Amino acid sequence: MNKKNAKDKPNGGGTIALNKRARHEYSLEEKFEAGLALQGWELKSIRAGRANIVDAYAVVLQGELFLIGAQITPLIQASTHVVANDRRTRKLLLHRREIDMLIGRVQRDGYTLVPTALYWKGNKVKAELALARGKQSHDKREASKERDWNREKQRLLRRHNKDA
């Protein structure tokens, strides 16, 4: 009568891949959750931890969103009968009103759609997309200085509270 938690399942909501570079290169404004249209060999490779979204981005083609540049390296034993392309264009699955809103923001306002994470939701693979604007180099330096100052401030506070 022992119930299993979501943590006990092999893919019960864990993160598959993160795009940490996106947080450095872009200022992220709004996030969306999108499904991915995958093939069977891609799902097996993702379960084996062979996904990378660092160079990926989303584009609008004929009124639909597609993920370009995401790398899912095929397993040798899983893709013997299929010619696998590890960087193929994958369709992103969203509601029509979300797609229309994103198309408007990207085309009119000059935003970029950047995937920030791939994760499991139940037994489905989801992509977290962010509406982003590119940072200038001085913005990156400013963000780095602020991050370093916050880290140093936390160290000082911990040291001060330890003595008290």
Protein backbone atom coordinates (compact mmCIF):
# COMPACT_ATOMS: atom_id res chain seq x y z
CA MET A 1 0.00 0.00 0.00
CA ASN A 2 2.94 2.28 -0.66
CA LYS A 3 2.03 5.10 -3.05
CA LYS A 4 4.69 6.32 -5.43
CA ASN A 5 5.57 10.00 -5.49
CA ALA A 6 6.24 11.97 -8.66
CA LYS A 7 9.93 11.92 -7.70
CA ASP A 8 9.99 8.12 -7.80
CA LYS A 9 8.98 7.98 -11.47
CA PRO A 10 11.78 8.05 -14.02
CA ASN A 11 10.30 11.05 -15.84
CA GLY A 12 7.91 12.61 -13.36
CA GLY A 13 8.56 16.30 -14.01
CA GLY A 14 12.33 16.62 -14.06
CA THR A 15 14.35 19.00 -16.17
CA ILE A 16 15.84 17.55 -19.35
CA ALA A 17 17.92 20.47 -20.61
CA LEU A 18 18.48 24.10 -19.62
CA ASN A 19 19.60 27.04 -21.74
CA LYS A 20 21.61 29.11 -19.27
CA ARG A 21 23.17 31.12 -22.07
CA ALA A 22 19.76 32.57 -22.95
CA ARG A 23 19.58 34.32 -19.57
CA HIS A 24 22.95 35.90 -20.27
CA GLU A 25 22.40 36.85 -23.92
CA TYR A 26 18.77 38.04 -23.69
CA SER A 27 16.50 39.89 -21.30
CA LEU A 28 13.61 37.47 -20.85
CA GLU A 29 10.17 39.02 -20.48
CA GLU A 30 7.34 36.48 -20.73
CA LYS A 31 7.40 32.67 -20.64
CA PHE A 32 5.18 30.12 -22.36
CA GLU A 33 4.87 26.34 -22.24
CA ALA A 34 4.82 24.50 -25.57
CA GLY A 35 4.62 20.85 -26.49
CA LEU A 36 7.04 19.28 -28.97
CA ALA A 37 6.17 17.03 -31.90
CA LEU A 38 8.83 14.31 -31.56
CA GLN A 39 9.63 11.01 -33.24
CA GLY A 40 10.12 7.78 -31.31
CA TRP A 41 13.91 7.72 -31.51
CA GLU A 42 14.02 11.31 -30.20
CA LEU A 43 12.01 10.37 -27.13
CA LYS A 44 14.37 7.48 -26.38
CA SER A 45 17.37 9.78 -26.75
CA ILE A 46 15.81 12.39 -24.46
CA ARG A 47 15.21 9.71 -21.81
CA ALA A 48 18.91 8.88 -22.10
CA GLY A 49 19.78 12.56 -21.52
CA ARG A 50 21.04 13.45 -25.00
CA ALA A 51 19.23 16.77 -25.57
CA ASN A 52 20.85 20.19 -25.99
CA ILE A 53 19.02 23.50 -26.60
CA VAL A 54 21.84 26.01 -26.21
CA ASP A 55 21.86 27.12 -29.88
CA ALA A 56 18.11 26.71 -30.41
CA TYR A 57 15.51 29.33 -31.28
CA ALA A 58 11.90 29.37 -32.44
CA VAL A 59 10.65 30.84 -35.73
CA VAL A 60 7.29 31.46 -37.35
CA LEU A 61 6.68 29.62 -40.63
CA GLN A 62 3.26 29.76 -42.34
CA GLY A 63 1.42 30.65 -39.14
CA GLU A 64 3.04 27.92 -37.02
CA LEU A 65 5.97 27.86 -34.61
CA PHE A 66 9.01 25.64 -35.16
CA LEU A 67 12.05 24.91 -33.01
CA ILE A 68 15.30 25.19 -34.95
CA GLY A 69 18.78 24.21 -33.80
CA ALA A 70 17.85 21.96 -30.88
CA GLN A 71 20.16 18.96 -30.85
CA ILE A 72 18.90 15.52 -29.85
CA THR A 73 21.71 13.05 -30.47
CA PRO A 74 20.36 9.69 -31.65
CA LEU A 75 21.08 6.49 -29.78
CA ILE A 76 22.82 3.89 -31.92
CA GLN A 77 20.55 1.04 -30.82
CA ALA A 78 17.34 3.11 -31.06
CA SER A 79 17.67 4.45 -34.59
CA THR A 80 18.95 1.55 -36.70
CA HIS A 81 15.95 1.56 -39.06
CA VAL A 82 15.61 5.37 -39.33
CA VAL A 83 17.93 7.96 -40.82
CA ALA A 84 18.14 10.30 -37.83
CA ASN A 85 18.83 14.01 -38.19
CA ASP A 86 19.88 15.31 -34.77
CA ARG A 87 19.16 19.00 -35.58
CA ARG A 88 15.91 18.64 -37.53
CA THR A 89 13.21 21.30 -37.32
CA ARG A 90 10.58 20.32 -34.73
CA LYS A 91 7.06 21.68 -34.52
CA LEU A 92 6.01 23.51 -31.35
CA LEU A 93 2.49 22.82 -30.15
CA LEU A 94 0.53 25.75 -28.67
CA HIS A 95 -3.04 26.99 -28.73
CA ARG A 96 -3.98 29.09 -31.76
CA ARG A 97 -4.54 32.28 -29.72
CA GLU A 98 -1.09 31.88 -28.11
CA ILE A 99 0.51 31.37 -31.53
CA ASP A 100 -1.26 34.45 -32.93
CA MET A 101 -0.18 36.56 -29.97
CA LEU A 102 3.44 35.37 -30.25
CA ILE A 103 3.50 35.98 -34.00
CA GLY A 104 2.33 39.56 -33.40
CA ARG A 105 4.92 40.21 -30.71
CA VAL A 106 7.76 38.73 -32.77
CA GLN A 107 6.91 40.45 -36.06
CA ARG A 108 5.69 43.84 -34.79
CA ASP A 109 7.63 44.41 -31.58
CA GLY A 110 10.93 42.78 -32.56
CA TYR A 111 11.07 40.05 -29.93
CA THR A 112 12.87 36.73 -30.29
CA LEU A 113 11.50 33.38 -29.13
CA VAL A 114 14.16 31.49 -27.18
CA PRO A 115 13.74 28.07 -25.54
CA THR A 116 14.96 28.24 -21.95
CA ALA A 117 14.23 24.69 -20.78
CA LEU A 118 13.06 21.23 -21.81
CA TYR A 119 11.27 19.24 -19.12
CA TRP A 120 8.90 16.35 -18.50
CA LYS A 121 5.26 17.04 -17.69
CA GLY A 122 3.65 13.69 -17.07
CA ASN A 123 4.92 11.56 -19.92
CA LYS A 124 5.15 14.47 -22.38
CA VAL A 125 8.17 16.62 -23.23
CA LYS A 126 7.50 20.34 -22.87
CA ALA A 127 9.59 23.32 -23.93
CA GLU A 128 9.62 26.57 -22.00
CA LEU A 129 9.74 29.45 -24.49
CA ALA A 130 10.57 33.01 -23.54
CA LEU A 131 9.86 36.24 -25.36
CA ALA A 132 13.24 37.91 -25.28
CA ARG A 133 15.12 41.00 -26.38
CA GLY A 134 18.83 40.84 -27.10
CA LYS A 135 21.16 42.49 -24.60
CA GLN A 136 23.92 44.89 -25.58
CA SER A 137 27.42 44.17 -24.25
CA HIS A 138 27.16 46.98 -21.66
CA ASP A 139 23.91 45.45 -20.38
CA LYS A 140 25.66 42.10 -19.96
CA ARG A 141 28.48 43.72 -17.98
CA GLU A 142 25.98 45.58 -15.81
CA ALA A 143 24.04 42.38 -15.09
CA SER A 144 27.30 40.61 -14.23
CA LYS A 145 28.31 43.37 -11.81
CA GLU A 146 24.90 43.30 -10.16
CA ARG A 147 25.01 39.51 -9.81
CA ASP A 148 28.50 39.69 -8.24
CA TRP A 149 27.39 42.45 -5.85
CA ASN A 150 24.33 40.45 -4.74
CA ARG A 151 26.53 37.42 -4.11
CA GLU A 152 28.99 39.50 -2.07
CA LYS A 153 26.13 41.14 -0.16
CA GLN A 154 24.79 37.69 0.80
CA ARG A 155 28.24 36.63 2.00
CA LEU A 156 28.54 39.76 4.14
CA LEU A 157 25.08 39.27 5.64
CA ARG A 158 25.82 35.61 6.45
CA ARG A 159 29.14 36.54 8.05
CA HIS A 160 27.50 39.34 10.06
CA ASN A 161 24.62 37.14 11.26
CA LYS A 162 27.03 34.37 12.25
CA ASP A 163 28.86 36.73 14.61
CA ALA A 164 25.70 38.12 16.19
